[in-house]
């Protein structure tokens, strides 16, 4: 049976011990949280467990079965929006950076389930996940050199004040050209990319408990605590103070 999915989806899922075989016309990433999932993708057998993940290309027959309690982060991605996933192996070992990012995705999804409104950043999070997968496989995305320059600058200076005009100058493009090319190649605008980097880093720092909320705000580019708290709440549907109240 071939299913259709026109949108990015990101969810926590559990699987039964009963073997299920099917295919769908979107790519699927299965990332470990807890338990073991045995899979066959095409003719390749493997497992999703602890430090290993599965990449199921669109149209690929696959079956799966799990034993005991299990939980996985599962991403469904339209093939047309990430054709490069077709080239990656069906089963991969995760680097510490990817394991950390999967943990971030898990916590984000758990918080979404507790809230009446879901966060609006799933698409950006998935696009960043795809970038990490390619970098791990030493297969960087085929980006325009100027866009690579802009993205690298944002990765290194996300805690600084960065304007679109400044970034365009660094990339040797006009602000309009930069925005158009960045969106075409990375699926989001430069400022959306910057925001996502800041918010993910803020979440990580808040979890560590060794910094005040003011210090976290300053470490992620916000001099104004109220502005940071408002942005964090809009992005994740919870305020930064939640981590302090709950002892997280």
C-alpha atoms as a PDB file:
ATOM      1  CA  UNK A   1       0.000   0.000   0.000  1.00  0.00           C
ATOM      2  CA  UNK A   2       1.384   3.443  -0.936  1.00  0.00           C
ATOM      3  CA  UNK A   3       0.363   6.346   1.279  1.00  0.00           C
ATOM      4  CA  UNK A   4       0.569  10.031   0.443  1.00  0.00           C
ATOM      5  CA  UNK A   5       1.907  12.790   2.652  1.00  0.00           C
ATOM      6  CA  UNK A   6       2.286  16.345   1.453  1.00  0.00           C
ATOM      7  CA  UNK A   7       3.706  17.871   4.621  1.00  0.00           C
ATOM      8  CA  UNK A   8       6.558  17.434   7.028  1.00  0.00           C
ATOM      9  CA  UNK A   9       5.460  15.541  10.137  1.00  0.00           C
ATOM     10  CA  UNK A  10       7.435  14.824  13.272  1.00  0.00           C
ATOM     11  CA  UNK A  11       6.084  12.556  15.991  1.00  0.00           C
ATOM     12  CA  UNK A  12       6.887  10.141  18.793  1.00  0.00           C
ATOM     13  CA  UNK A  13       5.729   6.633  17.867  1.00  0.00           C
ATOM     14  CA  UNK A  14       5.748   3.140  19.349  1.00  0.00           C
ATOM     15  CA  UNK A  15       5.546  -0.105  17.397  1.00  0.00           C
ATOM     16  CA  UNK A  16       4.034  -3.549  18.058  1.00  0.00           C
ATOM     17  CA  UNK A  17       5.637  -6.977  17.865  1.00  0.00           C
ATOM     18  CA  UNK A  18       3.562  -7.809  14.797  1.00  0.00           C
ATOM     19  CA  UNK A  19       5.535  -7.569  11.556  1.00  0.00           C
ATOM     20  CA  UNK A  20       4.155  -4.942   9.209  1.00  0.00           C
ATOM     21  CA  UNK A  21       5.306  -4.464   5.615  1.00  0.00           C
ATOM     22  CA  UNK A  22       4.423  -1.522   3.382  1.00  0.00           C
ATOM     23  CA  UNK A  23       5.810   1.434   1.437  1.00  0.00           C
ATOM     24  CA  UNK A  24       4.959   5.114   1.070  1.00  0.00           C
ATOM     25  CA  UNK A  25       5.764   7.939  -1.311  1.00  0.00           C
ATOM     26  CA  UNK A  26       7.602  10.056   1.248  1.00  0.00           C
ATOM     27  CA  UNK A  27      10.951   9.584   2.971  1.00  0.00           C
ATOM     28  CA  UNK A  28      10.905   8.471   6.585  1.00  0.00           C
ATOM     29  CA  UNK A  29      13.507   8.813   9.318  1.00  0.00           C
ATOM     30  CA  UNK A  30      13.246   6.546  12.369  1.00  0.00           C
ATOM     31  CA  UNK A  31      15.407   7.725  15.260  1.00  0.00           C
ATOM     32  CA  UNK A  32      15.947   5.941  18.591  1.00  0.00           C
ATOM     33  CA  UNK A  33      14.549   7.061  21.937  1.00  0.00           C
ATOM     34  CA  UNK A  34      13.930   3.771  23.781  1.00  0.00           C
ATOM     35  CA  UNK A  35      13.720   0.100  22.855  1.00  0.00           C
ATOM     36  CA  UNK A  36      14.627  -1.840  19.732  1.00  0.00           C
ATOM     37  CA  UNK A  37      13.006  -1.841  16.283  1.00  0.00           C
ATOM     38  CA  UNK A  38      14.047  -4.565  13.845  1.00  0.00           C
ATOM     39  CA  UNK A  39      13.613  -3.538  10.214  1.00  0.00           C
ATOM     40  CA  UNK A  40      14.150  -4.681   6.662  1.00  0.00           C
ATOM     41  CA  UNK A  41      14.444  -1.889   4.099  1.00  0.00           C
ATOM     42  CA  UNK A  42      14.463  -3.346   0.611  1.00  0.00           C
ATOM     43  CA  UNK A  43      16.937  -6.220   0.918  1.00  0.00           C
ATOM     44  CA  UNK A  44      18.838  -4.697   3.838  1.00  0.00           C
ATOM     45  CA  UNK A  45      18.179  -5.817   7.402  1.00  0.00           C
ATOM     46  CA  UNK A  46      19.069  -3.669  10.383  1.00  0.00           C
ATOM     47  CA  UNK A  47      18.000  -2.263  13.737  1.00  0.00           C
ATOM     48  CA  UNK A  48      17.046   1.069  15.220  1.00  0.00           C
ATOM     49  CA  UNK A  49      18.382   1.068  18.748  1.00  0.00           C
ATOM     50  CA  UNK A  50      20.455   3.320  20.997  1.00  0.00           C
ATOM     51  CA  UNK A  51      22.941   4.798  18.508  1.00  0.00           C
ATOM     52  CA  UNK A  52      21.521   3.589  15.176  1.00  0.00           C
ATOM     53  CA  UNK A  53      18.765   5.027  12.961  1.00  0.00           C
ATOM     54  CA  UNK A  54      16.936   4.078   9.778  1.00  0.00           C
ATOM     55  CA  UNK A  55      16.445   6.131   6.616  1.00  0.00           C
ATOM     56  CA  UNK A  56      13.632   4.770   4.448  1.00  0.00           C
ATOM     57  CA  UNK A  57      13.615   6.268   0.970  1.00  0.00           C
ATOM     58  CA  UNK A  58      10.324   7.026  -0.740  1.00  0.00           C
ATOM     59  CA  UNK A  59       8.869   3.974  -2.498  1.00  0.00           C
ATOM     60  CA  UNK A  60      11.122   1.512  -0.650  1.00  0.00           C
ATOM     61  CA  UNK A  61       9.420  -1.648   0.671  1.00  0.00           C
ATOM     62  CA  UNK A  62      10.120  -2.086   4.368  1.00  0.00           C
ATOM     63  CA  UNK A  63       8.895  -4.110   7.312  1.00  0.00           C
ATOM     64  CA  UNK A  64       9.369  -3.665  11.014  1.00  0.00           C
ATOM     65  CA  UNK A  65       8.596  -5.249  14.367  1.00  0.00           C
ATOM     66  CA  UNK A  66       9.410  -4.273  17.934  1.00  0.00           C
ATOM     67  CA  UNK A  67       9.479  -6.092  21.241  1.00  0.00           C
ATOM     68  CA  UNK A  68       8.741  -4.729  24.712  1.00  0.00           C
ATOM     69  CA  UNK A  69       8.258  -1.033  25.383  1.00  0.00           C
ATOM     70  CA  UNK A  70       9.673   1.220  22.705  1.00  0.00           C
ATOM     71  CA  UNK A  71       9.605   4.798  21.482  1.00  0.00           C
ATOM     72  CA  UNK A  72      11.073   6.473  18.402  1.00  0.00           C
ATOM     73  CA  UNK A  73      11.186   9.917  16.854  1.00  0.00           C
ATOM     74  CA  UNK A  74       9.714   9.461  13.369  1.00  0.00           C
ATOM     75  CA  UNK A  75       9.916  12.083  10.634  1.00  0.00           C
ATOM     76  CA  UNK A  76       7.872  11.866   7.434  1.00  0.00           C
ATOM     77  CA  UNK A  77       9.341  14.073   4.699  1.00  0.00           C
ATOM     78  CA  UNK A  78       7.935  14.606   1.179  1.00  0.00           C
ATOM     79  CA  UNK A  79      10.396  13.226  -1.364  1.00  0.00           C
ATOM     80  CA  UNK A  80      10.305  16.379  -3.481  1.00  0.00           C
ATOM     81  CA  UNK A  81      11.434  18.501  -0.530  1.00  0.00           C
ATOM     82  CA  UNK A  82      14.468  16.372   0.368  1.00  0.00           C
ATOM     83  CA  UNK A  83      15.508  14.303  -2.686  1.00  0.00           C
ATOM     84  CA  UNK A  84      19.038  13.993  -1.328  1.00  0.00           C
ATOM     85  CA  UNK A  85      17.850  11.505   1.338  1.00  0.00           C
ATOM     86  CA  UNK A  86      17.546   8.925  -1.451  1.00  0.00           C
ATOM     87  CA  UNK A  87      21.356   8.704  -1.526  1.00  0.00           C
ATOM     88  CA  UNK A  88      21.903   7.962   2.149  1.00  0.00           C
ATOM     89  CA  UNK A  89      22.264   4.382   3.472  1.00  0.00           C
ATOM     90  CA  UNK A  90      19.235   2.657   5.013  1.00  0.00           C
ATOM     91  CA  UNK A  91      20.894   2.229   8.414  1.00  0.00           C
ATOM     92  CA  UNK A  92      23.395   4.602   9.993  1.00  0.00           C
ATOM     93  CA  UNK A  93      25.261   5.007  13.252  1.00  0.00           C
ATOM     94  CA  UNK A  94      24.568   8.301  14.994  1.00  0.00           C
ATOM     95  CA  UNK A  95      27.287  10.695  16.090  1.00  0.00           C
ATOM     96  CA  UNK A  96      27.117  12.281  19.575  1.00  0.00           C
ATOM     97  CA  UNK A  97      25.864  15.502  17.932  1.00  0.00           C
ATOM     98  CA  UNK A  98      22.979  13.679  16.267  1.00  0.00           C
ATOM     99  CA  UNK A  99      22.148  11.726  19.427  1.00  0.00           C
ATOM    100  CA  UNK A 100      21.968  15.025  21.299  1.00  0.00           C
ATOM    101  CA  UNK A 101      19.726  16.489  18.605  1.00  0.00           C
ATOM    102  CA  UNK A 102      17.392  13.473  18.721  1.00  0.00           C
ATOM    103  CA  UNK A 103      17.118  14.023  22.470  1.00  0.00           C
ATOM    104  CA  UNK A 104      16.198  17.626  21.813  1.00  0.00           C
ATOM    105  CA  UNK A 105      13.508  16.543  19.325  1.00  0.00           C
ATOM    106  CA  UNK A 106      12.113  14.034  21.813  1.00  0.00           C
ATOM    107  CA  UNK A 107      11.772  16.636  24.552  1.00  0.00           C
ATOM    108  CA  UNK A 108      10.245  19.116  22.137  1.00  0.00           C
ATOM    109  CA  UNK A 109       7.624  16.581  21.039  1.00  0.00           C
ATOM    110  CA  UNK A 110       6.840  15.594  24.619  1.00  0.00           C
ATOM    111  CA  UNK A 111       6.209  19.227  25.519  1.00  0.00           C
ATOM    112  CA  UNK A 112       3.989  19.633  22.466  1.00  0.00           C
ATOM    113  CA  UNK A 113       1.828  16.741  23.647  1.00  0.00           C
ATOM    114  CA  UNK A 114       1.349  18.509  26.982  1.00  0.00           C
ATOM    115  CA  UNK A 115       0.298  21.787  25.420  1.00  0.00           C
ATOM    116  CA  UNK A 116      -2.928  22.750  23.678  1.00  0.00           C
ATOM    117  CA  UNK A 117      -0.979  24.278  20.795  1.00  0.00           C
ATOM    118  CA  UNK A 118       1.887  22.624  18.944  1.00  0.00           C
ATOM    119  CA  UNK A 119       5.078  24.506  18.151  1.00  0.00           C
ATOM    120  CA  UNK A 120       5.408  26.058  14.712  1.00  0.00           C
ATOM    121  CA  UNK A 121       9.033  25.124  14.139  1.00  0.00           C
ATOM    122  CA  UNK A 122       8.830  21.458  13.083  1.00  0.00           C
ATOM    123  CA  UNK A 123       9.782  22.180   9.495  1.00  0.00           C
ATOM    124  CA  UNK A 124      12.932  24.074  10.484  1.00  0.00           C
ATOM    125  CA  UNK A 125      13.899  21.379  12.980  1.00  0.00           C
ATOM    126  CA  UNK A 126      13.553  18.689  10.345  1.00  0.00           C
ATOM    127  CA  UNK A 127      15.577  20.630   7.807  1.00  0.00           C
ATOM    128  CA  UNK A 128      18.368  21.036  10.355  1.00  0.00           C
ATOM    129  CA  UNK A 129      18.151  17.310  11.088  1.00  0.00           C
ATOM    130  CA  UNK A 130      18.632  16.550   7.396  1.00  0.00           C
ATOM    131  CA  UNK A 131      21.684  18.829   7.333  1.00  0.00           C
ATOM    132  CA  UNK A 132      23.196  16.974  10.310  1.00  0.00           C
ATOM    133  CA  UNK A 133      22.613  13.633   8.620  1.00  0.00           C
ATOM    134  CA  UNK A 134      24.427  14.747   5.495  1.00  0.00           C
ATOM    135  CA  UNK A 135      27.313  16.251   7.422  1.00  0.00           C
ATOM    136  CA  UNK A 136      27.688  12.993   9.378  1.00  0.00           C
ATOM    137  CA  UNK A 137      27.905  11.018   6.129  1.00  0.00           C
ATOM    138  CA  UNK A 138      30.514  13.473   4.796  1.00  0.00           C
ATOM    139  CA  UNK A 139      28.063  14.396   2.087  1.00  0.00           C
ATOM    140  CA  UNK A 140      27.394  18.111   2.535  1.00  0.00           C
ATOM    141  CA  UNK A 141      24.348  19.598   0.900  1.00  0.00           C
ATOM    142  CA  UNK A 142      25.071  20.952  -2.551  1.00  0.00           C
ATOM    143  CA  UNK A 143      24.764  24.588  -1.563  1.00  0.00           C
ATOM    144  CA  UNK A 144      25.698  27.689  -3.477  1.00  0.00           C
ATOM    145  CA  UNK A 145      29.065  28.874  -2.125  1.00  0.00           C
ATOM    146  CA  UNK A 146      27.530  32.194  -1.052  1.00  0.00           C
ATOM    147  CA  UNK A 147      24.767  30.445   0.893  1.00  0.00           C
ATOM    148  CA  UNK A 148      27.339  28.198   2.565  1.00  0.00           C
ATOM    149  CA  UNK A 149      29.231  31.338   3.614  1.00  0.00           C
ATOM    150  CA  UNK A 150      26.080  32.886   5.071  1.00  0.00           C
ATOM    151  CA  UNK A 151      25.057  29.714   6.904  1.00  0.00           C
ATOM    152  CA  UNK A 152      28.527  29.220   8.346  1.00  0.00           C
ATOM    153  CA  UNK A 153      28.518  32.807   9.620  1.00  0.00           C
ATOM    154  CA  UNK A 154      25.145  32.258  11.342  1.00  0.00           C
ATOM    155  CA  UNK A 155      26.397  29.008  12.907  1.00  0.00           C
ATOM    156  CA  UNK A 156      29.389  30.831  14.366  1.00  0.00           C
ATOM    157  CA  UNK A 157      27.702  34.123  15.326  1.00  0.00           C
ATOM    158  CA  UNK A 158      24.162  33.161  16.357  1.00  0.00           C
ATOM    159  CA  UNK A 159      24.676  34.879  19.725  1.00  0.00           C
ATOM    160  CA  UNK A 160      25.561  38.194  18.047  1.00  0.00           C
ATOM    161  CA  UNK A 161      23.293  40.813  16.556  1.00  0.00           C
ATOM    162  CA  UNK A 162      23.061  39.913  12.857  1.00  0.00           C
ATOM    163  CA  UNK A 163      21.073  41.916  10.331  1.00  0.00           C
ATOM    164  CA  UNK A 164      19.972  40.694   6.920  1.00  0.00           C
ATOM    165  CA  UNK A 165      21.904  43.513   5.272  1.00  0.00           C
ATOM    166  CA  UNK A 166      25.080  42.565   7.152  1.00  0.00           C
ATOM    167  CA  UNK A 167      24.709  38.891   6.233  1.00  0.00           C
ATOM    168  CA  UNK A 168      24.011  39.745   2.587  1.00  0.00           C
ATOM    169  CA  UNK A 169      27.203  41.799   2.458  1.00  0.00           C
ATOM    170  CA  UNK A 170      29.196  38.882   3.872  1.00  0.00           C
ATOM    171  CA  UNK A 171      27.687  36.568   1.237  1.00  0.00           C
ATOM    172  CA  UNK A 172      28.249  39.131  -1.533  1.00  0.00           C
ATOM    173  CA  UNK A 173      24.532  39.218  -2.383  1.00  0.00           C
ATOM    174  CA  UNK A 174      21.717  41.709  -2.079  1.00  0.00           C
ATOM    175  CA  UNK A 175      19.363  41.097   0.875  1.00  0.00           C
ATOM    176  CA  UNK A 176      16.627  40.031  -1.542  1.00  0.00           C
ATOM    177  CA  UNK A 177      18.909  37.617  -3.412  1.00  0.00           C
ATOM    178  CA  UNK A 178      20.180  36.149  -0.154  1.00  0.00           C
ATOM    179  CA  UNK A 179      16.669  35.561   1.178  1.00  0.00           C
ATOM    180  CA  UNK A 180      15.503  33.936  -2.047  1.00  0.00           C
ATOM    181  CA  UNK A 181      18.528  31.664  -2.455  1.00  0.00           C
ATOM    182  CA  UNK A 182      18.653  30.736   1.227  1.00  0.00           C
ATOM    183  CA  UNK A 183      14.990  29.722   1.189  1.00  0.00           C
ATOM    184  CA  UNK A 184      15.387  27.759  -2.057  1.00  0.00           C
ATOM    185  CA  UNK A 185      18.372  25.782  -0.797  1.00  0.00           C
ATOM    186  CA  UNK A 186      17.688  25.414   2.929  1.00  0.00           C
ATOM    187  CA  UNK A 187      13.914  25.697   3.105  1.00  0.00           C
ATOM    188  CA  UNK A 188      13.831  28.756   5.364  1.00  0.00           C
ATOM    189  CA  UNK A 189      14.956  32.369   5.398  1.00  0.00           C
ATOM    190  CA  UNK A 190      18.281  33.386   6.992  1.00  0.00           C
ATOM    191  CA  UNK A 191      16.458  34.968   9.915  1.00  0.00           C
ATOM    192  CA  UNK A 192      14.357  31.833  10.473  1.00  0.00           C
ATOM    193  CA  UNK A 193      17.554  29.785  10.470  1.00  0.00           C
ATOM    194  CA  UNK A 194      19.129  32.166  12.990  1.00  0.00           C
ATOM    195  CA  UNK A 195      16.055  32.016  15.217  1.00  0.00           C
ATOM    196  CA  UNK A 196      16.015  28.224  15.191  1.00  0.00           C
ATOM    197  CA  UNK A 197      19.700  28.054  16.135  1.00  0.00           C
ATOM    198  CA  UNK A 198      19.126  30.490  19.010  1.00  0.00           C
ATOM    199  CA  UNK A 199      16.039  28.717  20.327  1.00  0.00           C
ATOM    200  CA  UNK A 200      17.637  25.267  20.252  1.00  0.00           C
ATOM    201  CA  UNK A 201      20.694  26.556  22.083  1.00  0.00           C
ATOM    202  CA  UNK A 202      18.485  28.324  24.637  1.00  0.00           C
ATOM    203  CA  UNK A 203      16.614  25.069  25.316  1.00  0.00           C
ATOM    204  CA  UNK A 204      19.892  23.218  25.866  1.00  0.00           C
ATOM    205  CA  UNK A 205      21.213  25.873  28.250  1.00  0.00           C
ATOM    206  CA  UNK A 206      17.968  26.031  30.235  1.00  0.00           C
ATOM    207  CA  UNK A 207      18.096  22.269  30.751  1.00  0.00           C
ATOM    208  CA  UNK A 208      21.589  22.486  32.224  1.00  0.00           C
ATOM    209  CA  UNK A 209      20.328  24.516  35.196  1.00  0.00           C
ATOM    210  CA  UNK A 210      23.654  26.272  35.793  1.00  0.00           C
ATOM    211  CA  UNK A 211      22.649  29.577  34.179  1.00  0.00           C
ATOM    212  CA  UNK A 212      19.929  32.058  35.039  1.00  0.00           C
ATOM    213  CA  UNK A 213      17.299  32.843  32.421  1.00  0.00           C
ATOM    214  CA  UNK A 214      18.928  36.248  31.948  1.00  0.00           C
ATOM    215  CA  UNK A 215      22.280  34.585  31.263  1.00  0.00           C
ATOM    216  CA  UNK A 216      20.664  32.194  28.777  1.00  0.00           C
ATOM    217  CA  UNK A 217      19.042  35.139  27.010  1.00  0.00           C
ATOM    218  CA  UNK A 218      22.379  36.946  26.698  1.00  0.00           C
ATOM    219  CA  UNK A 219      24.154  33.761  25.542  1.00  0.00           C
ATOM    220  CA  UNK A 220      21.695  33.418  22.670  1.00  0.00           C
ATOM    221  CA  UNK A 221      21.721  36.992  21.421  1.00  0.00           C
ATOM    222  CA  UNK A 222      19.034  38.690  23.519  1.00  0.00           C
ATOM    223  CA  UNK A 223      19.915  41.643  25.719  1.00  0.00           C
ATOM    224  CA  UNK A 224      16.276  42.087  26.743  1.00  0.00           C
ATOM    225  CA  UNK A 225      14.924  39.337  29.019  1.00  0.00           C
ATOM    226  CA  UNK A 226      11.276  40.082  28.219  1.00  0.00           C
ATOM    227  CA  UNK A 227      11.928  39.875  24.474  1.00  0.00           C
ATOM    228  CA  UNK A 228      13.741  36.558  24.907  1.00  0.00           C
ATOM    229  CA  UNK A 229      10.992  35.086  27.097  1.00  0.00           C
ATOM    230  CA  UNK A 230       8.287  36.173  24.662  1.00  0.00           C
ATOM    231  CA  UNK A 231      10.130  34.704  21.685  1.00  0.00           C
ATOM    232  CA  UNK A 232      10.866  31.417  23.502  1.00  0.00           C
ATOM    233  CA  UNK A 233       7.214  31.071  24.534  1.00  0.00           C
ATOM    234  CA  UNK A 234       5.985  31.681  20.991  1.00  0.00           C
ATOM    235  CA  UNK A 235       8.480  29.207  19.569  1.00  0.00           C
ATOM    236  CA  UNK A 236       7.944  26.317  21.992  1.00  0.00           C
ATOM    237  CA  UNK A 237       4.578  27.115  23.610  1.00  0.00           C
ATOM    238  CA  UNK A 238       6.173  27.153  27.070  1.00  0.00           C
ATOM    239  CA  UNK A 239       8.012  29.968  28.903  1.00  0.00           C
ATOM    240  CA  UNK A 240      11.701  29.677  29.845  1.00  0.00           C
ATOM    241  CA  UNK A 241      10.642  29.752  33.505  1.00  0.00           C
ATOM    242  CA  UNK A 242       9.065  26.306  33.049  1.00  0.00           C
ATOM    243  CA  UNK A 243      12.523  24.729  33.310  1.00  0.00           C
ATOM    244  CA  UNK A 244      13.159  26.452  36.609  1.00  0.00           C
ATOM    245  CA  UNK A 245       9.712  25.759  38.130  1.00  0.00           C
ATOM    246  CA  UNK A 246       9.863  22.078  37.230  1.00  0.00           C
ATOM    247  CA  UNK A 247      13.519  21.660  38.149  1.00  0.00           C
ATOM    248  CA  UNK A 248      14.391  20.610  34.592  1.00  0.00           C
END
